[in-house]
């Protein structure tokens, strides 16, 4: 299992709609946070080791309604 974070810019006034749809419609989306700064949301996603990150972001996230832009961060190791 691999973890990625996706920063999302939304159409104005649509961040809550995007967050709700992502959590409900995309199985791999674990959590969605509203954030400050350049982006409106941060999505935490868990992908199978053999799942292609580019295809996932392109086909499952960027196609959600009211998304303007994304920035994906790939993680390497979790510390606890």
PDB file of N, CA and C in Angstrom:
ATOM      1  N   UNK A   1       0.852  -1.176   0.000  1.00  0.00           N
ATOM      2  CA  UNK A   1       0.000   0.000   0.000  1.00  0.00           C
ATOM      3  C   UNK A   1       0.895   1.234   0.000  1.00  0.00           C
ATOM      4  N   UNK A   2       0.577   2.213  -0.836  1.00  0.00           N
ATOM      5  CA  UNK A   2       1.324   3.466  -0.849  1.00  0.00           C
ATOM      6  C   UNK A   2       0.375   4.629  -0.584  1.00  0.00           C
ATOM      7  N   UNK A   3       0.920   5.663   0.048  1.00  0.00           N
ATOM      8  CA  UNK A   3       0.138   6.839   0.414  1.00  0.00           C
ATOM      9  C   UNK A   3       0.561   8.017  -0.436  1.00  0.00           C
ATOM     10  N   UNK A   4      -0.412   8.757  -0.961  1.00  0.00           N
ATOM     11  CA  UNK A   4      -0.126   9.991  -1.670  1.00  0.00           C
ATOM     12  C   UNK A   4      -1.030  11.093  -1.101  1.00  0.00           C
ATOM     13  N   UNK A   5      -0.580  12.324  -1.243  1.00  0.00           N
ATOM     14  CA  UNK A   5      -1.381  13.485  -0.882  1.00  0.00           C
ATOM     15  C   UNK A   5      -1.599  14.301  -2.145  1.00  0.00           C
ATOM     16  N   UNK A   6      -2.821  14.743  -2.353  1.00  0.00           N
ATOM     17  CA  UNK A   6      -3.144  15.540  -3.530  1.00  0.00           C
ATOM     18  C   UNK A   6      -3.707  16.872  -3.059  1.00  0.00           C
ATOM     19  N   UNK A   7      -3.029  17.949  -3.439  1.00  0.00           N
ATOM     20  CA  UNK A   7      -3.518  19.291  -3.169  1.00  0.00           C
ATOM     21  C   UNK A   7      -4.455  19.653  -4.317  1.00  0.00           C
ATOM     22  N   UNK A   8      -5.586  20.261  -3.999  1.00  0.00           N
ATOM     23  CA  UNK A   8      -6.615  20.526  -5.001  1.00  0.00           C
ATOM     24  C   UNK A   8      -7.056  21.990  -4.963  1.00  0.00           C
ATOM     25  N   UNK A   9      -7.072  22.633  -6.133  1.00  0.00           N
ATOM     26  CA  UNK A   9      -7.689  23.951  -6.294  1.00  0.00           C
ATOM     27  C   UNK A   9      -9.078  23.719  -6.864  1.00  0.00           C
ATOM     28  N   UNK A  10     -10.059  24.375  -6.267  1.00  0.00           N
ATOM     29  CA  UNK A  10     -11.457  24.190  -6.672  1.00  0.00           C
ATOM     30  C   UNK A  10     -12.008  25.464  -7.305  1.00  0.00           C
ATOM     31  N   UNK A  11     -13.086  25.308  -8.038  1.00  0.00           N
ATOM     32  CA  UNK A  11     -13.830  26.475  -8.487  1.00  0.00           C
ATOM     33  C   UNK A  11     -14.286  27.226  -7.242  1.00  0.00           C
ATOM     34  N   UNK A  12     -14.388  28.545  -7.349  1.00  0.00           N
ATOM     35  CA  UNK A  12     -14.770  29.354  -6.191  1.00  0.00           C
ATOM     36  C   UNK A  12     -16.096  28.885  -5.600  1.00  0.00           C
ATOM     37  N   UNK A  13     -16.103  28.721  -4.283  1.00  0.00           N
ATOM     38  CA  UNK A  13     -17.307  28.330  -3.575  1.00  0.00           C
ATOM     39  C   UNK A  13     -17.660  26.859  -3.658  1.00  0.00           C
ATOM     40  N   UNK A  14     -16.776  26.026  -4.194  1.00  0.00           N
ATOM     41  CA  UNK A  14     -17.096  24.613  -4.410  1.00  0.00           C
ATOM     42  C   UNK A  14     -16.227  23.638  -3.627  1.00  0.00           C
ATOM     43  N   UNK A  15     -15.382  24.113  -2.740  1.00  0.00           N
ATOM     44  CA  UNK A  15     -14.466  23.218  -2.025  1.00  0.00           C
ATOM     45  C   UNK A  15     -15.211  22.155  -1.217  1.00  0.00           C
ATOM     46  N   UNK A  16     -16.286  22.535  -0.541  1.00  0.00           N
ATOM     47  CA  UNK A  16     -17.019  21.565   0.271  1.00  0.00           C
ATOM     48  C   UNK A  16     -17.705  20.520  -0.602  1.00  0.00           C
ATOM     49  N   UNK A  17     -18.198  20.942  -1.770  1.00  0.00           N
ATOM     50  CA  UNK A  17     -18.816  19.991  -2.704  1.00  0.00           C
ATOM     51  C   UNK A  17     -17.783  18.991  -3.211  1.00  0.00           C
ATOM     52  N   UNK A  18     -16.605  19.491  -3.569  1.00  0.00           N
ATOM     53  CA  UNK A  18     -15.535  18.621  -4.067  1.00  0.00           C
ATOM     54  C   UNK A  18     -15.109  17.642  -2.979  1.00  0.00           C
ATOM     55  N   UNK A  19     -14.939  18.134  -1.760  1.00  0.00           N
ATOM     56  CA  UNK A  19     -14.521  17.272  -0.650  1.00  0.00           C
ATOM     57  C   UNK A  19     -15.528  16.154  -0.422  1.00  0.00           C
ATOM     58  N   UNK A  20     -16.794  16.495  -0.394  1.00  0.00           N
ATOM     59  CA  UNK A  20     -17.839  15.484  -0.174  1.00  0.00           C
ATOM     60  C   UNK A  20     -17.859  14.449  -1.280  1.00  0.00           C
ATOM     61  N   UNK A  21     -17.775  14.910  -2.519  1.00  0.00           N
ATOM     62  CA  UNK A  21     -17.811  13.978  -3.641  1.00  0.00           C
ATOM     63  C   UNK A  21     -16.601  13.054  -3.636  1.00  0.00           C
ATOM     64  N   UNK A  22     -15.426  13.595  -3.333  1.00  0.00           N
ATOM     65  CA  UNK A  22     -14.210  12.780  -3.319  1.00  0.00           C
ATOM     66  C   UNK A  22     -14.309  11.667  -2.294  1.00  0.00           C
ATOM     67  N   UNK A  23     -14.755  11.997  -1.092  1.00  0.00           N
ATOM     68  CA  UNK A  23     -14.862  10.989  -0.025  1.00  0.00           C
ATOM     69  C   UNK A  23     -15.909   9.935  -0.366  1.00  0.00           C
ATOM     70  N   UNK A  24     -17.012  10.359  -0.958  1.00  0.00           N
ATOM     71  CA  UNK A  24     -18.094   9.432  -1.262  1.00  0.00           C
ATOM     72  C   UNK A  24     -17.839   8.601  -2.525  1.00  0.00           C
ATOM     73  N   UNK A  25     -17.197   9.193  -3.534  1.00  0.00           N
ATOM     74  CA  UNK A  25     -17.121   8.550  -4.844  1.00  0.00           C
ATOM     75  C   UNK A  25     -15.806   7.828  -5.132  1.00  0.00           C
ATOM     76  N   UNK A  26     -14.742   8.180  -4.431  1.00  0.00           N
ATOM     77  CA  UNK A  26     -13.427   7.597  -4.738  1.00  0.00           C
ATOM     78  C   UNK A  26     -12.966   6.765  -3.550  1.00  0.00           C
ATOM     79  N   UNK A  27     -12.972   5.474  -3.737  1.00  0.00           N
ATOM     80  CA  UNK A  27     -12.659   4.528  -2.651  1.00  0.00           C
ATOM     81  C   UNK A  27     -11.290   4.779  -2.027  1.00  0.00           C
ATOM     82  N   UNK A  28     -10.309   5.159  -2.824  1.00  0.00           N
ATOM     83  CA  UNK A  28      -8.943   5.326  -2.334  1.00  0.00           C
ATOM     84  C   UNK A  28      -8.745   6.596  -1.514  1.00  0.00           C
ATOM     85  N   UNK A  29      -9.694   7.521  -1.543  1.00  0.00           N
ATOM     86  CA  UNK A  29      -9.582   8.752  -0.758  1.00  0.00           C
ATOM     87  C   UNK A  29      -9.935   8.425   0.687  1.00  0.00           C
ATOM     88  N   UNK A  30      -8.961   8.597   1.566  1.00  0.00           N
ATOM     89  CA  UNK A  30      -9.141   8.291   2.981  1.00  0.00           C
ATOM     90  C   UNK A  30      -9.682   9.494   3.746  1.00  0.00           C
ATOM     91  N   UNK A  31      -9.075  10.648   3.527  1.00  0.00           N
ATOM     92  CA  UNK A  31      -9.439  11.859   4.251  1.00  0.00           C
ATOM     93  C   UNK A  31      -9.280  13.051   3.320  1.00  0.00           C
ATOM     94  N   UNK A  32     -10.081  14.090   3.559  1.00  0.00           N
ATOM     95  CA  UNK A  32      -9.940  15.345   2.822  1.00  0.00           C
ATOM     96  C   UNK A  32      -9.944  16.472   3.847  1.00  0.00           C
ATOM     97  N   UNK A  33      -8.956  17.336   3.757  1.00  0.00           N
ATOM     98  CA  UNK A  33      -8.820  18.464   4.669  1.00  0.00           C
ATOM     99  C   UNK A  33      -8.994  19.771   3.910  1.00  0.00           C
ATOM    100  N   UNK A  34      -9.704  20.735   4.483  1.00  0.00           N
ATOM    101  CA  UNK A  34      -9.679  22.084   3.936  1.00  0.00           C
ATOM    102  C   UNK A  34      -8.404  22.734   4.470  1.00  0.00           C
ATOM    103  N   UNK A  35      -7.720  23.483   3.620  1.00  0.00           N
ATOM    104  CA  UNK A  35      -6.421  24.049   3.987  1.00  0.00           C
ATOM    105  C   UNK A  35      -6.338  25.504   3.539  1.00  0.00           C
ATOM    106  N   UNK A  36      -5.346  26.204   4.067  1.00  0.00           N
ATOM    107  CA  UNK A  36      -5.094  27.578   3.648  1.00  0.00           C
ATOM    108  C   UNK A  36      -3.955  27.582   2.636  1.00  0.00           C
ATOM    109  N   UNK A  37      -3.809  28.690   1.934  1.00  0.00           N
ATOM    110  CA  UNK A  37      -2.722  28.819   0.975  1.00  0.00           C
ATOM    111  C   UNK A  37      -3.210  28.742  -0.456  1.00  0.00           C
ATOM    112  N   UNK A  38      -2.325  28.315  -1.351  1.00  0.00           N
ATOM    113  CA  UNK A  38      -2.609  28.258  -2.787  1.00  0.00           C
ATOM    114  C   UNK A  38      -3.710  27.276  -3.138  1.00  0.00           C
ATOM    115  N   UNK A  39      -3.839  26.222  -2.366  1.00  0.00           N
ATOM    116  CA  UNK A  39      -4.804  25.170  -2.658  1.00  0.00           C
ATOM    117  C   UNK A  39      -5.926  25.190  -1.624  1.00  0.00           C
ATOM    118  N   UNK A  40      -7.064  24.633  -1.995  1.00  0.00           N
ATOM    119  CA  UNK A  40      -8.243  24.635  -1.137  1.00  0.00           C
ATOM    120  C   UNK A  40      -8.368  23.377  -0.289  1.00  0.00           C
ATOM    121  N   UNK A  41      -7.954  22.238  -0.851  1.00  0.00           N
ATOM    122  CA  UNK A  41      -8.121  20.945  -0.188  1.00  0.00           C
ATOM    123  C   UNK A  41      -6.839  20.135  -0.266  1.00  0.00           C
ATOM    124  N   UNK A  42      -6.687  19.217   0.695  1.00  0.00           N
ATOM    125  CA  UNK A  42      -5.625  18.224   0.645  1.00  0.00           C
ATOM    126  C   UNK A  42      -6.274  16.861   0.854  1.00  0.00           C
ATOM    127  N   UNK A  43      -6.076  15.976  -0.103  1.00  0.00           N
ATOM    128  CA  UNK A  43      -6.646  14.632  -0.043  1.00  0.00           C
ATOM    129  C   UNK A  43      -5.565  13.623   0.296  1.00  0.00           C
ATOM    130  N   UNK A  44      -5.861  12.761   1.240  1.00  0.00           N
ATOM    131  CA  UNK A  44      -4.958  11.658   1.579  1.00  0.00           C
ATOM    132  C   UNK A  44      -5.529  10.410   0.935  1.00  0.00           C
ATOM    133  N   UNK A  45      -4.710   9.756   0.123  1.00  0.00           N
ATOM    134  CA  UNK A  45      -5.179   8.593  -0.643  1.00  0.00           C
ATOM    135  C   UNK A  45      -4.251   7.407  -0.416  1.00  0.00           C
ATOM    136  N   UNK A  46      -4.844   6.231  -0.327  1.00  0.00           N
ATOM    137  CA  UNK A  46      -4.094   4.983  -0.217  1.00  0.00           C
ATOM    138  C   UNK A  46      -4.300   4.190  -1.501  1.00  0.00           C
ATOM    139  N   UNK A  47      -3.188   3.882  -2.174  1.00  0.00           N
ATOM    140  CA  UNK A  47      -3.242   3.131  -3.425  1.00  0.00           C
ATOM    141  C   UNK A  47      -2.551   1.785  -3.250  1.00  0.00           C
ATOM    142  N   UNK A  48      -3.032   0.791  -3.974  1.00  0.00           N
ATOM    143  CA  UNK A  48      -2.337  -0.491  -4.006  1.00  0.00           C
ATOM    144  C   UNK A  48      -0.961  -0.284  -4.615  1.00  0.00           C
ATOM    145  N   UNK A  49      -0.004  -1.111  -4.215  1.00  0.00           N
ATOM    146  CA  UNK A  49       1.371  -0.970  -4.702  1.00  0.00           C
ATOM    147  C   UNK A  49       1.477  -1.014  -6.220  1.00  0.00           C
ATOM    148  N   UNK A  50       0.606  -1.769  -6.861  1.00  0.00           N
ATOM    149  CA  UNK A  50       0.686  -1.894  -8.320  1.00  0.00           C
ATOM    150  C   UNK A  50      -0.180  -0.867  -9.056  1.00  0.00           C
ATOM    151  N   UNK A  51      -0.880   0.003  -8.324  1.00  0.00           N
ATOM    152  CA  UNK A  51      -1.742   0.993  -8.968  1.00  0.00           C
ATOM    153  C   UNK A  51      -0.903   2.178  -9.442  1.00  0.00           C
ATOM    154  N   UNK A  52      -1.128   2.604 -10.673  1.00  0.00           N
ATOM    155  CA  UNK A  52      -0.390   3.709 -11.273  1.00  0.00           C
ATOM    156  C   UNK A  52      -0.913   5.040 -10.725  1.00  0.00           C
ATOM    157  N   UNK A  53      -0.027   5.827 -10.134  1.00  0.00           N
ATOM    158  CA  UNK A  53      -0.412   7.095  -9.516  1.00  0.00           C
ATOM    159  C   UNK A  53      -0.932   8.081 -10.559  1.00  0.00           C
ATOM    160  N   UNK A  54      -0.241   8.184 -11.676  1.00  0.00           N
ATOM    161  CA  UNK A  54      -0.644   9.121 -12.717  1.00  0.00           C
ATOM    162  C   UNK A  54      -2.037   8.842 -13.245  1.00  0.00           C
ATOM    163  N   UNK A  55      -2.315   7.579 -13.521  1.00  0.00           N
ATOM    164  CA  UNK A  55      -3.656   7.216 -14.005  1.00  0.00           C
ATOM    165  C   UNK A  55      -4.711   7.488 -12.929  1.00  0.00           C
ATOM    166  N   UNK A  56      -4.396   7.172 -11.677  1.00  0.00           N
ATOM    167  CA  UNK A  56      -5.352   7.415 -10.599  1.00  0.00           C
ATOM    168  C   UNK A  56      -5.705   8.890 -10.500  1.00  0.00           C
ATOM    169  N   UNK A  57      -4.695   9.747 -10.433  1.00  0.00           N
ATOM    170  CA  UNK A  57      -4.951  11.184 -10.297  1.00  0.00           C
ATOM    171  C   UNK A  57      -5.697  11.703 -11.520  1.00  0.00           C
ATOM    172  N   UNK A  58      -5.245  11.323 -12.695  1.00  0.00           N
ATOM    173  CA  UNK A  58      -5.846  11.801 -13.941  1.00  0.00           C
ATOM    174  C   UNK A  58      -7.289  11.336 -14.117  1.00  0.00           C
ATOM    175  N   UNK A  59      -7.569  10.084 -13.802  1.00  0.00           N
ATOM    176  CA  UNK A  59      -8.877   9.500 -14.102  1.00  0.00           C
ATOM    177  C   UNK A  59      -9.865   9.553 -12.936  1.00  0.00           C
ATOM    178  N   UNK A  60      -9.374   9.529 -11.690  1.00  0.00           N
ATOM    179  CA  UNK A  60     -10.273   9.471 -10.538  1.00  0.00           C
ATOM    180  C   UNK A  60     -10.434  10.811  -9.815  1.00  0.00           C
ATOM    181  N   UNK A  61      -9.383  11.626  -9.805  1.00  0.00           N
ATOM    182  CA  UNK A  61      -9.434  12.882  -9.053  1.00  0.00           C
ATOM    183  C   UNK A  61      -9.692  14.075  -9.969  1.00  0.00           C
ATOM    184  N   UNK A  62      -8.884  14.234 -11.006  1.00  0.00           N
ATOM    185  CA  UNK A  62      -9.022  15.408 -11.862  1.00  0.00           C
ATOM    186  C   UNK A  62     -10.337  15.451 -12.632  1.00  0.00           C
ATOM    187  N   UNK A  63     -11.035  14.358 -12.699  1.00  0.00           N
ATOM    188  CA  UNK A  63     -12.320  14.332 -13.406  1.00  0.00           C
ATOM    189  C   UNK A  63     -13.500  14.672 -12.493  1.00  0.00           C
ATOM    190  N   UNK A  64     -13.260  14.849 -11.180  1.00  0.00           N
ATOM    191  CA  UNK A  64     -14.336  15.261 -10.291  1.00  0.00           C
ATOM    192  C   UNK A  64     -14.783  16.673 -10.667  1.00  0.00           C
ATOM    193  N   UNK A  65     -16.068  16.945 -10.531  1.00  0.00           N
ATOM    194  CA  UNK A  65     -16.599  18.257 -10.875  1.00  0.00           C
ATOM    195  C   UNK A  65     -15.993  19.343 -10.001  1.00  0.00           C
ATOM    196  N   UNK A  66     -15.766  20.507 -10.607  1.00  0.00           N
ATOM    197  CA  UNK A  66     -15.327  21.734  -9.924  1.00  0.00           C
ATOM    198  C   UNK A  66     -13.878  21.725  -9.453  1.00  0.00           C
ATOM    199  N   UNK A  67     -13.051  20.852 -10.020  1.00  0.00           N
ATOM    200  CA  UNK A  67     -11.621  20.885  -9.729  1.00  0.00           C
ATOM    201  C   UNK A  67     -10.924  21.659 -10.846  1.00  0.00           C
ATOM    202  N   UNK A  68     -10.091  22.638 -10.444  1.00  0.00           N
ATOM    203  CA  UNK A  68      -9.358  23.456 -11.405  1.00  0.00           C
ATOM    204  C   UNK A  68      -7.921  22.987 -11.593  1.00  0.00           C
ATOM    205  N   UNK A  69      -7.287  22.489 -10.520  1.00  0.00           N
ATOM    206  CA  UNK A  69      -5.863  22.159 -10.586  1.00  0.00           C
ATOM    207  C   UNK A  69      -5.527  21.191  -9.454  1.00  0.00           C
ATOM    208  N   UNK A  70      -4.479  20.389  -9.656  1.00  0.00           N
ATOM    209  CA  UNK A  70      -4.007  19.488  -8.605  1.00  0.00           C
ATOM    210  C   UNK A  70      -2.488  19.526  -8.530  1.00  0.00           C
ATOM    211  N   UNK A  71      -1.961  19.128  -7.377  1.00  0.00           N
ATOM    212  CA  UNK A  71      -0.531  18.975  -7.152  1.00  0.00           C
ATOM    213  C   UNK A  71      -0.369  17.737  -6.291  1.00  0.00           C
ATOM    214  N   UNK A  72       0.333  16.730  -6.789  1.00  0.00           N
ATOM    215  CA  UNK A  72       0.442  15.442  -6.103  1.00  0.00           C
ATOM    216  C   UNK A  72       1.796  15.291  -5.426  1.00  0.00           C
ATOM    217  N   UNK A  73       1.759  14.841  -4.164  1.00  0.00           N
ATOM    218  CA  UNK A  73       2.977  14.532  -3.423  1.00  0.00           C
ATOM    219  C   UNK A  73       3.007  13.034  -3.153  1.00  0.00           C
ATOM    220  N   UNK A  74       4.104  12.414  -3.506  1.00  0.00           N
ATOM    221  CA  UNK A  74       4.292  10.985  -3.282  1.00  0.00           C
ATOM    222  C   UNK A  74       5.082  10.816  -1.988  1.00  0.00           C
ATOM    223  N   UNK A  75       4.637   9.910  -1.136  1.00  0.00           N
ATOM    224  CA  UNK A  75       5.326   9.697   0.139  1.00  0.00           C
ATOM    225  C   UNK A  75       6.266   8.510   0.033  1.00  0.00           C
ATOM    226  N   UNK A  76       7.270   8.483   0.920  1.00  0.00           N
ATOM    227  CA  UNK A  76       8.239   7.396   0.945  1.00  0.00           C
ATOM    228  C   UNK A  76       8.148   6.564   2.220  1.00  0.00           C
ATOM    229  N   UNK A  77       8.131   7.224   3.361  1.00  0.00           N
ATOM    230  CA  UNK A  77       8.150   6.517   4.635  1.00  0.00           C
ATOM    231  C   UNK A  77       7.338   7.310   5.652  1.00  0.00           C
ATOM    232  N   UNK A  78       6.554   6.607   6.448  1.00  0.00           N
ATOM    233  CA  UNK A  78       5.804   7.242   7.529  1.00  0.00           C
ATOM    234  C   UNK A  78       6.552   7.008   8.843  1.00  0.00           C
ATOM    235  N   UNK A  79       6.689   8.050   9.631  1.00  0.00           N
ATOM    236  CA  UNK A  79       7.349   7.967  10.938  1.00  0.00           C
ATOM    237  C   UNK A  79       6.288   8.120  12.021  1.00  0.00           C
ATOM    238  N   UNK A  80       6.421   7.369  13.078  1.00  0.00           N
ATOM    239  CA  UNK A  80       5.466   7.509  14.180  1.00  0.00           C
ATOM    240  C   UNK A  80       6.176   7.403  15.511  1.00  0.00           C
TER     241      UNK A  80
END
